[in-house]
Amino acid sequence: MAAGLLIALVLALYFGFAFLALSQDRHWQRAGGGMPCPARLVVAMRTLGYVLLLAALALALVRDGASFGSLVWATMLSVAALAVVGTLAWRAHWLGPLVRALQGLA
């Protein structure tokens, strides 16, 4: 169970930062959007990004308690942010399916 919560924590952080990054036109276009990000998606993606970051904090606190959980969250926050930066720098097309799914919602 602890490993599953850790995986969920990392995925929530990664996708939280991915949504925050994709809400910017530069990253949206680089990941495969072509055109600027639709305006009505920007607020939704930013809100979802922040909700996922807070959900990851809740997962860390449930998994490890307040003292160590907050440390795990802060550490994984940095790791996930660097992972998104690396993805956008070298393999932005990997976020293309997420962009196409969001375009279908717009």
C-alpha atoms as a PDB file:
ATOM      1  CA  MET A   1       0.000   0.000   0.000  1.00  0.00           C
ATOM      2  CA  ALA A   2       2.819   2.422   0.818  1.00  0.00           C
ATOM      3  CA  ALA A   3       4.413   1.892  -2.595  1.00  0.00           C
ATOM      4  CA  GLY A   4       1.093   2.518  -4.325  1.00  0.00           C
ATOM      5  CA  LEU A   5       0.641   5.781  -2.435  1.00  0.00           C
ATOM      6  CA  LEU A   6       4.149   6.857  -3.382  1.00  0.00           C
ATOM      7  CA  ILE A   7       3.484   6.149  -7.065  1.00  0.00           C
ATOM      8  CA  ALA A   8       0.200   8.069  -6.875  1.00  0.00           C
ATOM      9  CA  LEU A   9       2.036  10.939  -5.177  1.00  0.00           C
ATOM     10  CA  VAL A  10       4.677  11.141  -7.912  1.00  0.00           C
ATOM     11  CA  LEU A  11       2.097  10.903 -10.701  1.00  0.00           C
ATOM     12  CA  ALA A  12      -0.056  13.607  -9.113  1.00  0.00           C
ATOM     13  CA  LEU A  13       2.949  15.900  -8.831  1.00  0.00           C
ATOM     14  CA  TYR A  14       4.144  15.206 -12.377  1.00  0.00           C
ATOM     15  CA  PHE A  15       0.746  15.773 -13.947  1.00  0.00           C
ATOM     16  CA  GLY A  16       0.121  18.778 -11.722  1.00  0.00           C
ATOM     17  CA  PHE A  17       3.253  20.453 -13.027  1.00  0.00           C
ATOM     18  CA  ALA A  18       2.485  19.265 -16.573  1.00  0.00           C
ATOM     19  CA  PHE A  19      -0.938  20.950 -16.455  1.00  0.00           C
ATOM     20  CA  LEU A  20       0.604  24.140 -15.080  1.00  0.00           C
ATOM     21  CA  ALA A  21       3.229  24.142 -17.840  1.00  0.00           C
ATOM     22  CA  LEU A  22       0.765  23.324 -20.622  1.00  0.00           C
ATOM     23  CA  SER A  23      -1.413  26.248 -19.585  1.00  0.00           C
ATOM     24  CA  GLN A  24       1.290  28.468 -21.104  1.00  0.00           C
ATOM     25  CA  ASP A  25       1.172  28.946 -24.879  1.00  0.00           C
ATOM     26  CA  ARG A  26       4.886  28.266 -25.371  1.00  0.00           C
ATOM     27  CA  HIS A  27       4.714  24.811 -23.796  1.00  0.00           C
ATOM     28  CA  TRP A  28       1.295  24.021 -25.288  1.00  0.00           C
ATOM     29  CA  GLN A  29       2.586  24.675 -28.804  1.00  0.00           C
ATOM     30  CA  ARG A  30       5.841  22.793 -28.218  1.00  0.00           C
ATOM     31  CA  ALA A  31       3.992  19.721 -26.944  1.00  0.00           C
ATOM     32  CA  GLY A  32       1.936  19.492 -30.104  1.00  0.00           C
ATOM     33  CA  GLY A  33      -0.873  21.979 -29.795  1.00  0.00           C
ATOM     34  CA  GLY A  34       0.239  23.980 -32.821  1.00  0.00           C
ATOM     35  CA  MET A  35      -2.033  26.902 -32.068  1.00  0.00           C
ATOM     36  CA  PRO A  36      -2.223  28.840 -28.781  1.00  0.00           C
ATOM     37  CA  CYS A  37      -3.901  27.151 -25.856  1.00  0.00           C
ATOM     38  CA  PRO A  38      -7.675  27.784 -25.846  1.00  0.00           C
ATOM     39  CA  ALA A  39      -8.468  30.486 -23.299  1.00  0.00           C
ATOM     40  CA  ARG A  40     -11.166  28.489 -21.519  1.00  0.00           C
ATOM     41  CA  LEU A  41      -8.706  25.661 -20.887  1.00  0.00           C
ATOM     42  CA  VAL A  42      -6.072  27.864 -19.263  1.00  0.00           C
ATOM     43  CA  VAL A  43      -7.966  28.441 -16.008  1.00  0.00           C
ATOM     44  CA  ALA A  44      -9.146  24.827 -15.861  1.00  0.00           C
ATOM     45  CA  MET A  45      -5.625  23.449 -16.364  1.00  0.00           C
ATOM     46  CA  ARG A  46      -4.119  25.777 -13.773  1.00  0.00           C
ATOM     47  CA  THR A  47      -6.813  24.891 -11.263  1.00  0.00           C
ATOM     48  CA  LEU A  48      -6.359  21.173 -11.915  1.00  0.00           C
ATOM     49  CA  GLY A  49      -2.593  21.554 -11.624  1.00  0.00           C
ATOM     50  CA  TYR A  50      -2.829  23.180  -8.210  1.00  0.00           C
ATOM     51  CA  VAL A  51      -5.424  20.645  -7.051  1.00  0.00           C
ATOM     52  CA  LEU A  52      -3.106  17.800  -8.043  1.00  0.00           C
ATOM     53  CA  LEU A  53      -0.216  19.379  -6.129  1.00  0.00           C
ATOM     54  CA  LEU A  54      -2.395  19.662  -3.029  1.00  0.00           C
ATOM     55  CA  ALA A  55      -3.683  16.110  -3.513  1.00  0.00           C
ATOM     56  CA  ALA A  56      -0.080  14.934  -3.581  1.00  0.00           C
ATOM     57  CA  LEU A  57       0.501  16.699  -0.273  1.00  0.00           C
ATOM     58  CA  ALA A  58      -2.499  14.894   1.193  1.00  0.00           C
ATOM     59  CA  LEU A  59      -1.169  11.564  -0.097  1.00  0.00           C
ATOM     60  CA  ALA A  60       2.233  12.235   1.446  1.00  0.00           C
ATOM     61  CA  LEU A  61       0.682  13.156   4.778  1.00  0.00           C
ATOM     62  CA  VAL A  62      -1.488  10.026   4.793  1.00  0.00           C
ATOM     63  CA  ARG A  63       1.445   7.839   3.815  1.00  0.00           C
ATOM     64  CA  ASP A  64       4.101   9.149   6.215  1.00  0.00           C
ATOM     65  CA  GLY A  65       2.511  11.526   8.707  1.00  0.00           C
ATOM     66  CA  ALA A  66       3.018  15.258   9.088  1.00  0.00           C
ATOM     67  CA  SER A  67       6.740  15.429   9.794  1.00  0.00           C
ATOM     68  CA  PHE A  68       8.201  12.993   7.261  1.00  0.00           C
ATOM     69  CA  GLY A  69       5.305  13.311   4.803  1.00  0.00           C
ATOM     70  CA  SER A  70       5.939  17.002   4.298  1.00  0.00           C
ATOM     71  CA  LEU A  71       9.615  16.247   3.672  1.00  0.00           C
ATOM     72  CA  VAL A  72       8.729  13.540   1.132  1.00  0.00           C
ATOM     73  CA  TRP A  73       6.301  15.936  -0.579  1.00  0.00           C
ATOM     74  CA  ALA A  74       8.871  18.741  -0.794  1.00  0.00           C
ATOM     75  CA  THR A  75      11.507  16.386  -2.168  1.00  0.00           C
ATOM     76  CA  MET A  76       9.192  14.798  -4.717  1.00  0.00           C
ATOM     77  CA  LEU A  77       7.922  18.272  -5.644  1.00  0.00           C
ATOM     78  CA  SER A  78      11.423  19.155  -6.814  1.00  0.00           C
ATOM     79  CA  VAL A  79      11.912  15.823  -8.577  1.00  0.00           C
ATOM     80  CA  ALA A  80       8.595  16.093 -10.436  1.00  0.00           C
ATOM     81  CA  ALA A  81       9.279  19.698 -11.453  1.00  0.00           C
ATOM     82  CA  LEU A  82      12.648  18.686 -12.890  1.00  0.00           C
ATOM     83  CA  ALA A  83      11.026  15.741 -14.673  1.00  0.00           C
ATOM     84  CA  VAL A  84       8.512  18.041 -16.365  1.00  0.00           C
ATOM     85  CA  VAL A  85      11.288  20.474 -17.299  1.00  0.00           C
ATOM     86  CA  GLY A  86      13.263  17.614 -18.804  1.00  0.00           C
ATOM     87  CA  THR A  87      10.249  16.330 -20.676  1.00  0.00           C
ATOM     88  CA  LEU A  88       9.495  19.750 -22.123  1.00  0.00           C
ATOM     89  CA  ALA A  89      13.144  20.367 -23.027  1.00  0.00           C
ATOM     90  CA  TRP A  90      13.970  17.061 -24.700  1.00  0.00           C
ATOM     91  CA  ARG A  91      10.784  15.091 -25.339  1.00  0.00           C
ATOM     92  CA  ALA A  92       7.926  17.578 -25.444  1.00  0.00           C
ATOM     93  CA  HIS A  93       6.025  15.364 -27.886  1.00  0.00           C
ATOM     94  CA  TRP A  94       5.539  12.853 -25.025  1.00  0.00           C
ATOM     95  CA  LEU A  95       2.957  15.299 -23.643  1.00  0.00           C
ATOM     96  CA  GLY A  96       1.212  15.374 -27.035  1.00  0.00           C
ATOM     97  CA  PRO A  97      -1.469  12.817 -26.095  1.00  0.00           C
ATOM     98  CA  LEU A  98      -2.382  14.954 -23.083  1.00  0.00           C
ATOM     99  CA  VAL A  99      -2.626  18.035 -25.323  1.00  0.00           C
ATOM    100  CA  ARG A 100      -4.807  16.191 -27.835  1.00  0.00           C
ATOM    101  CA  ALA A 101      -7.083  14.919 -25.059  1.00  0.00           C
ATOM    102  CA  LEU A 102      -7.452  18.453 -23.730  1.00  0.00           C
ATOM    103  CA  GLN A 103      -8.147  19.776 -27.216  1.00  0.00           C
ATOM    104  CA  GLY A 104     -10.997  17.283 -27.446  1.00  0.00           C
ATOM    105  CA  LEU A 105     -12.511  18.846 -24.335  1.00  0.00           C
ATOM    106  CA  ALA A 106     -12.246  22.389 -25.692  1.00  0.00           C
END
